[in-house]
Amino acid sequence: MELALQNYERASLEATTELRAVWEVEKEKLSRERRILEEDRRRLELEAAEGAAEIARVEGTVVRPADRVLLDVGGTHFATTRRTLTAAMDVAPDSYFGAMFSGR
């Protein structure tokens, strides 16, 4: 009976040792995968931020129909934008258009 108990304890110890070794290998694999996923997440977050900045830049250049202004200057028709006309307030505040759009 004692021999059977010793065999059981030895087999149990070997199995436990083997399971711990397998567990350590799997733990290391998961750690590597986690690091890779974290790097991917940071890269994707950076790309998303860059994409959002690009969208904001593009949206700033889009001319909406409500912002288009049609001018008739002595029978010649011009199309421009409200932004172009009001830019005179910043670029040349003392000009005709600067004065016109400033409310003076």
PDB file of N, CA and C in Angstrom:
ATOM      1  N   MET A   1       0.818  -1.192   0.000  1.00  0.00           N
ATOM      2  CA  MET A   1       0.000   0.000   0.000  1.00  0.00           C
ATOM      3  C   MET A   1       0.861   1.255   0.000  1.00  0.00           C
ATOM      4  N   GLU A   2       1.970   1.216   0.755  1.00  0.00           N
ATOM      5  CA  GLU A   2       2.856   2.377   0.814  1.00  0.00           C
ATOM      6  C   GLU A   2       3.499   2.653  -0.540  1.00  0.00           C
ATOM      7  N   LEU A   3       3.812   1.606  -1.264  1.00  0.00           N
ATOM      8  CA  LEU A   3       4.408   1.762  -2.597  1.00  0.00           C
ATOM      9  C   LEU A   3       3.414   2.435  -3.547  1.00  0.00           C
ATOM     10  N   ALA A   4       2.157   2.055  -3.456  1.00  0.00           N
ATOM     11  CA  ALA A   4       1.118   2.665  -4.295  1.00  0.00           C
ATOM     12  C   ALA A   4       0.958   4.144  -3.963  1.00  0.00           C
ATOM     13  N   LEU A   5       1.047   4.473  -2.677  1.00  0.00           N
ATOM     14  CA  LEU A   5       0.949   5.874  -2.257  1.00  0.00           C
ATOM     15  C   LEU A   5       2.138   6.683  -2.772  1.00  0.00           C
ATOM     16  N   GLN A   6       3.320   6.107  -2.714  1.00  0.00           N
ATOM     17  CA  GLN A   6       4.509   6.789  -3.225  1.00  0.00           C
ATOM     18  C   GLN A   6       4.411   6.991  -4.735  1.00  0.00           C
ATOM     19  N   ASN A   7       3.936   5.968  -5.434  1.00  0.00           N
ATOM     20  CA  ASN A   7       3.753   6.090  -6.898  1.00  0.00           C
ATOM     21  C   ASN A   7       2.730   7.182  -7.227  1.00  0.00           C
ATOM     22  N   TYR A   8       1.658   7.211  -6.439  1.00  0.00           N
ATOM     23  CA  TYR A   8       0.622   8.251  -6.647  1.00  0.00           C
ATOM     24  C   TYR A   8       1.202   9.640  -6.415  1.00  0.00           C
ATOM     25  N   GLU A   9       1.931   9.823  -5.340  1.00  0.00           N
ATOM     26  CA  GLU A   9       2.515  11.128  -5.022  1.00  0.00           C
ATOM     27  C   GLU A   9       3.523  11.549  -6.089  1.00  0.00           C
ATOM     28  N   ARG A  10       4.352  10.593  -6.566  1.00  0.00           N
ATOM     29  CA  ARG A  10       5.325  10.911  -7.596  1.00  0.00           C
ATOM     30  C   ARG A  10       4.611  11.294  -8.897  1.00  0.00           C
ATOM     31  N   ALA A  11       3.584  10.535  -9.283  1.00  0.00           N
ATOM     32  CA  ALA A  11       2.826  10.832 -10.502  1.00  0.00           C
ATOM     33  C   ALA A  11       2.111  12.173 -10.374  1.00  0.00           C
ATOM     34  N   SER A  12       1.581  12.418  -9.194  1.00  0.00           N
ATOM     35  CA  SER A  12       0.894  13.694  -8.951  1.00  0.00           C
ATOM     36  C   SER A  12       1.872  14.856  -9.054  1.00  0.00           C
ATOM     37  N   LEU A  13       3.057  14.725  -8.496  1.00  0.00           N
ATOM     38  CA  LEU A  13       4.086  15.763  -8.560  1.00  0.00           C
ATOM     39  C   LEU A  13       4.538  16.003  -9.998  1.00  0.00           C
ATOM     40  N   GLU A  14       4.735  14.909 -10.740  1.00  0.00           N
ATOM     41  CA  GLU A  14       5.136  15.036 -12.148  1.00  0.00           C
ATOM     42  C   GLU A  14       4.049  15.743 -12.962  1.00  0.00           C
ATOM     43  N   ALA A  15       2.817  15.357 -12.732  1.00  0.00           N
ATOM     44  CA  ALA A  15       1.703  15.984 -13.459  1.00  0.00           C
ATOM     45  C   ALA A  15       1.602  17.460 -13.114  1.00  0.00           C
ATOM     46  N   THR A  16       1.753  17.779 -11.840  1.00  0.00           N
ATOM     47  CA  THR A  16       1.699  19.179 -11.411  1.00  0.00           C
ATOM     48  C   THR A  16       2.834  19.981 -12.037  1.00  0.00           C
ATOM     49  N   THR A  17       4.027  19.395 -12.055  1.00  0.00           N
ATOM     50  CA  THR A  17       5.186  20.066 -12.657  1.00  0.00           C
ATOM     51  C   THR A  17       4.961  20.297 -14.152  1.00  0.00           C
ATOM     52  N   GLU A  18       4.438  19.287 -14.817  1.00  0.00           N
ATOM     53  CA  GLU A  18       4.161  19.412 -16.259  1.00  0.00           C
ATOM     54  C   GLU A  18       3.086  20.464 -16.526  1.00  0.00           C
ATOM     55  N   LEU A  19       2.048  20.465 -15.717  1.00  0.00           N
ATOM     56  CA  LEU A  19       0.978  21.460 -15.883  1.00  0.00           C
ATOM     57  C   LEU A  19       1.500  22.876 -15.649  1.00  0.00           C
ATOM     58  N   ARG A  20       2.364  23.033 -14.650  1.00  0.00           N
ATOM     59  CA  ARG A  20       2.942  24.362 -14.399  1.00  0.00           C
ATOM     60  C   ARG A  20       3.786  24.817 -15.579  1.00  0.00           C
ATOM     61  N   ALA A  21       4.547  23.905 -16.162  1.00  0.00           N
ATOM     62  CA  ALA A  21       5.375  24.258 -17.321  1.00  0.00           C
ATOM     63  C   ALA A  21       4.497  24.684 -18.498  1.00  0.00           C
ATOM     64  N   VAL A  22       3.444  23.918 -18.750  1.00  0.00           N
ATOM     65  CA  VAL A  22       2.511  24.261 -19.835  1.00  0.00           C
ATOM     66  C   VAL A  22       1.838  25.594 -19.534  1.00  0.00           C
ATOM     67  N   TRP A  23       1.444  25.797 -18.284  1.00  0.00           N
ATOM     68  CA  TRP A  23       0.802  27.049 -17.879  1.00  0.00           C
ATOM     69  C   TRP A  23       1.741  28.237 -18.120  1.00  0.00           C
ATOM     70  N   GLU A  24       3.024  28.101 -17.765  1.00  0.00           N
ATOM     71  CA  GLU A  24       3.995  29.182 -17.973  1.00  0.00           C
ATOM     72  C   GLU A  24       4.155  29.495 -19.453  1.00  0.00           C
ATOM     73  N   VAL A  25       4.202  28.469 -20.290  1.00  0.00           N
ATOM     74  CA  VAL A  25       4.321  28.679 -21.744  1.00  0.00           C
ATOM     75  C   VAL A  25       3.093  29.432 -22.256  1.00  0.00           C
ATOM     76  N   GLU A  26       1.920  28.992 -21.859  1.00  0.00           N
ATOM     77  CA  GLU A  26       0.684  29.651 -22.309  1.00  0.00           C
ATOM     78  C   GLU A  26       0.600  31.081 -21.774  1.00  0.00           C
ATOM     79  N   LYS A  27       1.033  31.260 -20.547  1.00  0.00           N
ATOM     80  CA  LYS A  27       1.029  32.603 -19.954  1.00  0.00           C
ATOM     81  C   LYS A  27       1.931  33.540 -20.762  1.00  0.00           C
ATOM     82  N   GLU A  28       3.104  33.064 -21.167  1.00  0.00           N
ATOM     83  CA  GLU A  28       4.020  33.878 -21.961  1.00  0.00           C
ATOM     84  C   GLU A  28       3.424  34.193 -23.339  1.00  0.00           C
ATOM     85  N   LYS A  29       2.766  33.210 -23.960  1.00  0.00           N
ATOM     86  CA  LYS A  29       2.112  33.441 -25.250  1.00  0.00           C
ATOM     87  C   LYS A  29       1.057  34.539 -25.121  1.00  0.00           C
ATOM     88  N   LEU A  30       0.248  34.432 -24.066  1.00  0.00           N
ATOM     89  CA  LEU A  30      -0.795  35.444 -23.855  1.00  0.00           C
ATOM     90  C   LEU A  30      -0.198  36.821 -23.594  1.00  0.00           C
ATOM     91  N   SER A  31       0.904  36.877 -22.873  1.00  0.00           N
ATOM     92  CA  SER A  31       1.563  38.162 -22.613  1.00  0.00           C
ATOM     93  C   SER A  31       2.046  38.791 -23.914  1.00  0.00           C
ATOM     94  N   ARG A  32       2.656  37.960 -24.779  1.00  0.00           N
ATOM     95  CA  ARG A  32       3.110  38.468 -26.082  1.00  0.00           C
ATOM     96  C   ARG A  32       1.931  38.966 -26.912  1.00  0.00           C
ATOM     97  N   GLU A  33       0.860  38.189 -26.956  1.00  0.00           N
ATOM     98  CA  GLU A  33      -0.323  38.589 -27.714  1.00  0.00           C
ATOM     99  C   GLU A  33      -0.913  39.886 -27.169  1.00  0.00           C
ATOM    100  N   ARG A  34      -0.918  40.008 -25.857  1.00  0.00           N
ATOM    101  CA  ARG A  34      -1.453  41.232 -25.241  1.00  0.00           C
ATOM    102  C   ARG A  34      -0.605  42.446 -25.627  1.00  0.00           C
ATOM    103  N   ARG A  35       0.719  42.302 -25.605  1.00  0.00           N
ATOM    104  CA  ARG A  35       1.594  43.413 -25.999  1.00  0.00           C
ATOM    105  C   ARG A  35       1.345  43.806 -27.453  1.00  0.00           C
ATOM    106  N   ILE A  36       1.192  42.816 -28.302  1.00  0.00           N
ATOM    107  CA  ILE A  36       0.923  43.080 -29.725  1.00  0.00           C
ATOM    108  C   ILE A  36      -0.406  43.813 -29.874  1.00  0.00           C
ATOM    109  N   LEU A  37      -1.424  43.343 -29.160  1.00  0.00           N
ATOM    110  CA  LEU A  37      -2.741  43.990 -29.239  1.00  0.00           C
ATOM    111  C   LEU A  37      -2.699  45.421 -28.711  1.00  0.00           C
ATOM    112  N   GLU A  38      -1.953  45.650 -27.637  1.00  0.00           N
ATOM    113  CA  GLU A  38      -1.837  47.000 -27.097  1.00  0.00           C
ATOM    114  C   GLU A  38      -1.127  47.923 -28.083  1.00  0.00           C
ATOM    115  N   GLU A  39      -0.083  47.420 -28.748  1.00  0.00           N
ATOM    116  CA  GLU A  39       0.609  48.216 -29.762  1.00  0.00           C
ATOM    117  C   GLU A  39      -0.325  48.516 -30.929  1.00  0.00           C
ATOM    118  N   ASP A  40      -1.086  47.510 -31.352  1.00  0.00           N
ATOM    119  CA  ASP A  40      -2.055  47.711 -32.438  1.00  0.00           C
ATOM    120  C   ASP A  40      -3.099  48.749 -32.042  1.00  0.00           C
ATOM    121  N   ARG A  41      -3.586  48.668 -30.792  1.00  0.00           N
ATOM    122  CA  ARG A  41      -4.588  49.629 -30.332  1.00  0.00           C
ATOM    123  C   ARG A  41      -4.036  51.048 -30.355  1.00  0.00           C
ATOM    124  N   ARG A  42      -2.808  51.227 -29.848  1.00  0.00           N
ATOM    125  CA  ARG A  42      -2.197  52.565 -29.865  1.00  0.00           C
ATOM    126  C   ARG A  42      -2.026  53.071 -31.289  1.00  0.00           C
ATOM    127  N   ARG A  43      -1.601  52.175 -32.199  1.00  0.00           N
ATOM    128  CA  ARG A  43      -1.426  52.571 -33.598  1.00  0.00           C
ATOM    129  C   ARG A  43      -2.776  52.959 -34.217  1.00  0.00           C
ATOM    130  N   LEU A  44      -3.801  52.173 -33.944  1.00  0.00           N
ATOM    131  CA  LEU A  44      -5.126  52.476 -34.495  1.00  0.00           C
ATOM    132  C   LEU A  44      -5.701  53.771 -33.915  1.00  0.00           C
ATOM    133  N   GLU A  45      -5.467  54.008 -32.628  1.00  0.00           N
ATOM    134  CA  GLU A  45      -5.935  55.262 -32.024  1.00  0.00           C
ATOM    135  C   GLU A  45      -5.240  56.454 -32.671  1.00  0.00           C
ATOM    136  N   LEU A  46      -3.949  56.323 -32.938  1.00  0.00           N
ATOM    137  CA  LEU A  46      -3.207  57.386 -33.605  1.00  0.00           C
ATOM    138  C   LEU A  46      -3.736  57.604 -35.023  1.00  0.00           C
ATOM    139  N   GLU A  47      -3.971  56.517 -35.745  1.00  0.00           N
ATOM    140  CA  GLU A  47      -4.523  56.625 -37.095  1.00  0.00           C
ATOM    141  C   GLU A  47      -5.917  57.247 -37.069  1.00  0.00           C
ATOM    142  N   ALA A  48      -6.719  56.896 -36.073  1.00  0.00           N
ATOM    143  CA  ALA A  48      -8.066  57.472 -35.960  1.00  0.00           C
ATOM    144  C   ALA A  48      -7.987  58.972 -35.697  1.00  0.00           C
ATOM    145  N   ALA A  49      -7.056  59.383 -34.845  1.00  0.00           N
ATOM    146  CA  ALA A  49      -6.890  60.811 -34.561  1.00  0.00           C
ATOM    147  C   ALA A  49      -6.419  61.550 -35.808  1.00  0.00           C
ATOM    148  N   GLU A  50      -5.489  60.941 -36.546  1.00  0.00           N
ATOM    149  CA  GLU A  50      -5.019  61.561 -37.784  1.00  0.00           C
ATOM    150  C   GLU A  50      -6.153  61.651 -38.800  1.00  0.00           C
ATOM    151  N   GLY A  51      -6.980  60.593 -38.865  1.00  0.00           N
ATOM    152  CA  GLY A  51      -8.128  60.601 -39.778  1.00  0.00           C
ATOM    153  C   GLY A  51      -9.133  61.682 -39.408  1.00  0.00           C
ATOM    154  N   ALA A  52      -9.384  61.838 -38.113  1.00  0.00           N
ATOM    155  CA  ALA A  52     -10.324  62.875 -37.662  1.00  0.00           C
ATOM    156  C   ALA A  52      -9.786  64.260 -37.992  1.00  0.00           C
ATOM    157  N   ALA A  53      -8.472  64.447 -37.828  1.00  0.00           N
ATOM    158  CA  ALA A  53      -7.869  65.745 -38.164  1.00  0.00           C
ATOM    159  C   ALA A  53      -7.979  66.010 -39.667  1.00  0.00           C
ATOM    160  N   GLU A  54      -7.775  64.976 -40.463  1.00  0.00           N
ATOM    161  CA  GLU A  54      -7.891  65.131 -41.923  1.00  0.00           C
ATOM    162  C   GLU A  54      -9.326  65.468 -42.319  1.00  0.00           C
ATOM    163  N   ILE A  55     -10.287  64.809 -41.691  1.00  0.00           N
ATOM    164  CA  ILE A  55     -11.703  65.100 -41.976  1.00  0.00           C
ATOM    165  C   ILE A  55     -12.006  66.549 -41.622  1.00  0.00           C
ATOM    166  N   ALA A  56     -11.518  67.008 -40.486  1.00  0.00           N
ATOM    167  CA  ALA A  56     -11.753  68.397 -40.078  1.00  0.00           C
ATOM    168  C   ALA A  56     -11.137  69.369 -41.091  1.00  0.00           C
ATOM    169  N   ARG A  57      -9.915  69.048 -41.569  1.00  0.00           N
ATOM    170  CA  ARG A  57      -9.288  69.922 -42.582  1.00  0.00           C
ATOM    171  C   ARG A  57     -10.106  69.956 -43.863  1.00  0.00           C
ATOM    172  N   VAL A  58     -10.563  68.783 -44.300  1.00  0.00           N
ATOM    173  CA  VAL A  58     -11.334  68.708 -45.543  1.00  0.00           C
ATOM    174  C   VAL A  58     -12.665  69.417 -45.383  1.00  0.00           C
ATOM    175  N   GLU A  59     -13.334  69.198 -44.259  1.00  0.00           N
ATOM    176  CA  GLU A  59     -14.622  69.858 -44.041  1.00  0.00           C
ATOM    177  C   GLU A  59     -14.464  71.374 -44.019  1.00  0.00           C
ATOM    178  N   GLY A  60     -13.314  71.850 -43.599  1.00  0.00           N
ATOM    179  CA  GLY A  60     -13.065  73.288 -43.589  1.00  0.00           C
ATOM    180  C   GLY A  60     -12.910  73.878 -44.978  1.00  0.00           C
ATOM    181  N   THR A  61     -12.612  73.030 -45.968  1.00  0.00           N
ATOM    182  CA  THR A  61     -12.436  73.529 -47.334  1.00  0.00           C
ATOM    183  C   THR A  61     -13.660  73.298 -48.210  1.00  0.00           C
ATOM    184  N   VAL A  62     -14.611  72.540 -47.720  1.00  0.00           N
ATOM    185  CA  VAL A  62     -15.812  72.261 -48.507  1.00  0.00           C
ATOM    186  C   VAL A  62     -16.692  73.502 -48.552  1.00  0.00           C
ATOM    187  N   VAL A  63     -17.125  73.837 -49.754  1.00  0.00           N
ATOM    188  CA  VAL A  63     -18.017  74.985 -49.926  1.00  0.00           C
ATOM    189  C   VAL A  63     -19.446  74.461 -49.974  1.00  0.00           C
ATOM    190  N   ARG A  64     -20.220  74.875 -49.012  1.00  0.00           N
ATOM    191  CA  ARG A  64     -21.627  74.477 -48.972  1.00  0.00           C
ATOM    192  C   ARG A  64     -22.427  75.432 -49.863  1.00  0.00           C
ATOM    193  N   PRO A  65     -23.480  74.930 -50.456  1.00  0.00           N
ATOM    194  CA  PRO A  65     -24.271  75.791 -51.348  1.00  0.00           C
ATOM    195  C   PRO A  65     -24.738  77.084 -50.668  1.00  0.00           C
ATOM    196  N   ALA A  66     -25.044  77.025 -49.394  1.00  0.00           N
ATOM    197  CA  ALA A  66     -25.510  78.225 -48.694  1.00  0.00           C
ATOM    198  C   ALA A  66     -24.405  79.269 -48.559  1.00  0.00           C
ATOM    199  N   ASP A  67     -23.139  78.847 -48.678  1.00  0.00           N
ATOM    200  CA  ASP A  67     -22.014  79.778 -48.557  1.00  0.00           C
ATOM    201  C   ASP A  67     -21.607  80.391 -49.890  1.00  0.00           C
ATOM    202  N   ARG A  68     -22.168  79.913 -50.980  1.00  0.00           N
ATOM    203  CA  ARG A  68     -21.823  80.468 -52.298  1.00  0.00           C
ATOM    204  C   ARG A  68     -22.539  81.807 -52.493  1.00  0.00           C
ATOM    205  N   VAL A  69     -21.812  82.728 -53.083  1.00  0.00           N
ATOM    206  CA  VAL A  69     -22.366  84.056 -53.344  1.00  0.00           C
ATOM    207  C   VAL A  69     -22.180  84.339 -54.826  1.00  0.00           C
ATOM    208  N   LEU A  70     -23.278  84.722 -55.472  1.00  0.00           N
ATOM    209  CA  LEU A  70     -23.212  85.089 -56.885  1.00  0.00           C
ATOM    210  C   LEU A  70     -23.244  86.609 -56.983  1.00  0.00           C
ATOM    211  N   LEU A  71     -22.278  87.154 -57.707  1.00  0.00           N
ATOM    212  CA  LEU A  71     -22.169  88.610 -57.848  1.00  0.00           C
ATOM    213  C   LEU A  71     -22.408  89.000 -59.304  1.00  0.00           C
ATOM    214  N   ASP A  72     -23.048  90.107 -59.491  1.00  0.00           N
ATOM    215  CA  ASP A  72     -23.225  90.678 -60.822  1.00  0.00           C
ATOM    216  C   ASP A  72     -22.544  92.038 -60.782  1.00  0.00           C
ATOM    217  N   VAL A  73     -21.375  92.105 -61.382  1.00  0.00           N
ATOM    218  CA  VAL A  73     -20.584  93.331 -61.356  1.00  0.00           C
ATOM    219  C   VAL A  73     -20.585  93.910 -62.771  1.00  0.00           C
ATOM    220  N   GLY A  74     -21.422  94.907 -62.978  1.00  0.00           N
ATOM    221  CA  GLY A  74     -21.504  95.549 -64.297  1.00  0.00           C
ATOM    222  C   GLY A  74     -21.876  94.573 -65.390  1.00  0.00           C
ATOM    223  N   GLY A  75     -22.721  93.619 -65.097  1.00  0.00           N
ATOM    224  CA  GLY A  75     -23.162  92.655 -66.104  1.00  0.00           C
ATOM    225  C   GLY A  75     -22.289  91.412 -66.180  1.00  0.00           C
ATOM    226  N   THR A  76     -21.174  91.426 -65.497  1.00  0.00           N
ATOM    227  CA  THR A  76     -20.316  90.234 -65.463  1.00  0.00           C
ATOM    228  C   THR A  76     -20.622  89.474 -64.181  1.00  0.00           C
ATOM    229  N   HIS A  77     -20.875  88.191 -64.336  1.00  0.00           N
ATOM    230  CA  HIS A  77     -21.247  87.372 -63.184  1.00  0.00           C
ATOM    231  C   HIS A  77     -20.017  86.688 -62.599  1.00  0.00           C
ATOM    232  N   PHE A  78     -19.944  86.728 -61.281  1.00  0.00           N
ATOM    233  CA  PHE A  78     -18.862  86.082 -60.538  1.00  0.00           C
ATOM    234  C   PHE A  78     -19.480  85.186 -59.471  1.00  0.00           C
ATOM    235  N   ALA A  79     -18.800  84.103 -59.196  1.00  0.00           N
ATOM    236  CA  ALA A  79     -19.211  83.223 -58.089  1.00  0.00           C
ATOM    237  C   ALA A  79     -18.053  83.178 -57.108  1.00  0.00           C
ATOM    238  N   THR A  80     -18.365  83.365 -55.860  1.00  0.00           N
ATOM    239  CA  THR A  80     -17.342  83.313 -54.824  1.00  0.00           C
ATOM    240  C   THR A  80     -17.979  82.733 -53.564  1.00  0.00           C
ATOM    241  N   THR A  81     -17.300  82.830 -52.478  1.00  0.00           N
ATOM    242  CA  THR A  81     -17.859  82.314 -51.221  1.00  0.00           C
ATOM    243  C   THR A  81     -17.925  83.430 -50.194  1.00  0.00           C
ATOM    244  N   ARG A  82     -18.794  83.229 -49.252  1.00  0.00           N
ATOM    245  CA  ARG A  82     -18.924  84.177 -48.147  1.00  0.00           C
ATOM    246  C   ARG A  82     -17.588  84.293 -47.409  1.00  0.00           C
ATOM    247  N   ARG A  83     -16.898  83.174 -47.268  1.00  0.00           N
ATOM    248  CA  ARG A  83     -15.610  83.165 -46.574  1.00  0.00           C
ATOM    249  C   ARG A  83     -14.597  84.061 -47.289  1.00  0.00           C
ATOM    250  N   THR A  84     -14.558  84.002 -48.615  1.00  0.00           N
ATOM    251  CA  THR A  84     -13.621  84.837 -49.365  1.00  0.00           C
ATOM    252  C   THR A  84     -13.941  86.316 -49.170  1.00  0.00           C
ATOM    253  N   LEU A  85     -15.206  86.659 -49.237  1.00  0.00           N
ATOM    254  CA  LEU A  85     -15.588  88.064 -49.092  1.00  0.00           C
ATOM    255  C   LEU A  85     -15.316  88.586 -47.675  1.00  0.00           C
ATOM    256  N   THR A  86     -15.608  87.785 -46.677  1.00  0.00           N
ATOM    257  CA  THR A  86     -15.416  88.261 -45.298  1.00  0.00           C
ATOM    258  C   THR A  86     -13.963  88.175 -44.853  1.00  0.00           C
ATOM    259  N   ALA A  87     -13.127  87.469 -45.608  1.00  0.00           N
ATOM    260  CA  ALA A  87     -11.698  87.405 -45.271  1.00  0.00           C
ATOM    261  C   ALA A  87     -11.064  88.785 -45.342  1.00  0.00           C
ATOM    262  N   ALA A  88     -11.659  89.677 -46.092  1.00  0.00           N
ATOM    263  CA  ALA A  88     -11.125  91.031 -46.208  1.00  0.00           C
ATOM    264  C   ALA A  88     -11.086  91.733 -44.860  1.00  0.00           C
ATOM    265  N   MET A  89     -11.955  91.354 -43.939  1.00  0.00           N
ATOM    266  CA  MET A  89     -11.943  91.977 -42.605  1.00  0.00           C
ATOM    267  C   MET A  89     -10.632  91.685 -41.888  1.00  0.00           C
ATOM    268  N   ASP A  90     -10.059  90.510 -42.129  1.00  0.00           N
ATOM    269  CA  ASP A  90      -8.802  90.151 -41.484  1.00  0.00           C
ATOM    270  C   ASP A  90      -7.595  90.564 -42.319  1.00  0.00           C
ATOM    271  N   VAL A  91      -7.694  90.387 -43.623  1.00  0.00           N
ATOM    272  CA  VAL A  91      -6.556  90.642 -44.504  1.00  0.00           C
ATOM    273  C   VAL A  91      -6.361  92.136 -44.747  1.00  0.00           C
ATOM    274  N   ALA A  92      -7.440  92.816 -45.051  1.00  0.00           N
ATOM    275  CA  ALA A  92      -7.348  94.248 -45.350  1.00  0.00           C
ATOM    276  C   ALA A  92      -8.546  94.960 -44.726  1.00  0.00           C
ATOM    277  N   PRO A  93      -8.525  95.190 -43.420  1.00  0.00           N
ATOM    278  CA  PRO A  93      -9.696  95.750 -42.733  1.00  0.00           C
ATOM    279  C   PRO A  93     -10.070  97.156 -43.208  1.00  0.00           C
ATOM    280  N   ASP A  94      -9.137  97.899 -43.785  1.00  0.00           N
ATOM    281  CA  ASP A  94      -9.439  99.253 -44.245  1.00  0.00           C
ATOM    282  C   ASP A  94      -9.878  99.292 -45.700  1.00  0.00           C
ATOM    283  N   SER A  95      -9.969  98.125 -46.365  1.00  0.00           N
ATOM    284  CA  SER A  95     -10.393  98.087 -47.756  1.00  0.00           C
ATOM    285  C   SER A  95     -11.910  98.258 -47.854  1.00  0.00           C
ATOM    286  N   TYR A  96     -12.393  98.395 -49.064  1.00  0.00           N
ATOM    287  CA  TYR A  96     -13.823  98.536 -49.315  1.00  0.00           C
ATOM    288  C   TYR A  96     -14.600  97.357 -48.727  1.00  0.00           C
ATOM    289  N   PHE A  97     -14.166  96.127 -49.058  1.00  0.00           N
ATOM    290  CA  PHE A  97     -14.881  94.952 -48.559  1.00  0.00           C
ATOM    291  C   PHE A  97     -14.679  94.771 -47.059  1.00  0.00           C
ATOM    292  N   GLY A  98     -13.507  95.136 -46.566  1.00  0.00           N
ATOM    293  CA  GLY A  98     -13.263  95.050 -45.117  1.00  0.00           C
ATOM    294  C   GLY A  98     -14.250  95.932 -44.369  1.00  0.00           C
ATOM    295  N   ALA A  99     -14.425  97.152 -44.868  1.00  0.00           N
ATOM    296  CA  ALA A  99     -15.358  98.086 -44.247  1.00  0.00           C
ATOM    297  C   ALA A  99     -16.814  97.606 -44.433  1.00  0.00           C
ATOM    298  N   MET A 100     -17.101  97.099 -45.606  1.00  0.00           N
ATOM    299  CA  MET A 100     -18.462  96.663 -45.917  1.00  0.00           C
ATOM    300  C   MET A 100     -18.920  95.524 -44.993  1.00  0.00           C
ATOM    301  N   PHE A 101     -18.038  94.550 -44.729  1.00  0.00           N
ATOM    302  CA  PHE A 101     -18.425  93.384 -43.943  1.00  0.00           C
ATOM    303  C   PHE A 101     -18.172  93.571 -42.442  1.00  0.00           C
ATOM    304  N   SER A 102     -17.525  94.648 -42.064  1.00  0.00           N
ATOM    305  CA  SER A 102     -17.301  94.878 -40.630  1.00  0.00           C
ATOM    306  C   SER A 102     -18.489  95.587 -39.996  1.00  0.00           C
ATOM    307  N   GLY A 103     -19.353  96.137 -40.808  1.00  0.00           N
ATOM    308  CA  GLY A 103     -20.518  96.856 -40.275  1.00  0.00           C
ATOM    309  C   GLY A 103     -20.252  98.348 -40.112  1.00  0.00           C
ATOM    310  N   ARG A 104     -19.097  98.820 -40.554  1.00  0.00           N
ATOM    311  CA  ARG A 104     -18.795 100.255 -40.428  1.00  0.00           C
ATOM    312  C   ARG A 104     -19.505 101.043 -41.509  1.00  0.00           C
TER     313      ARG A 104
END
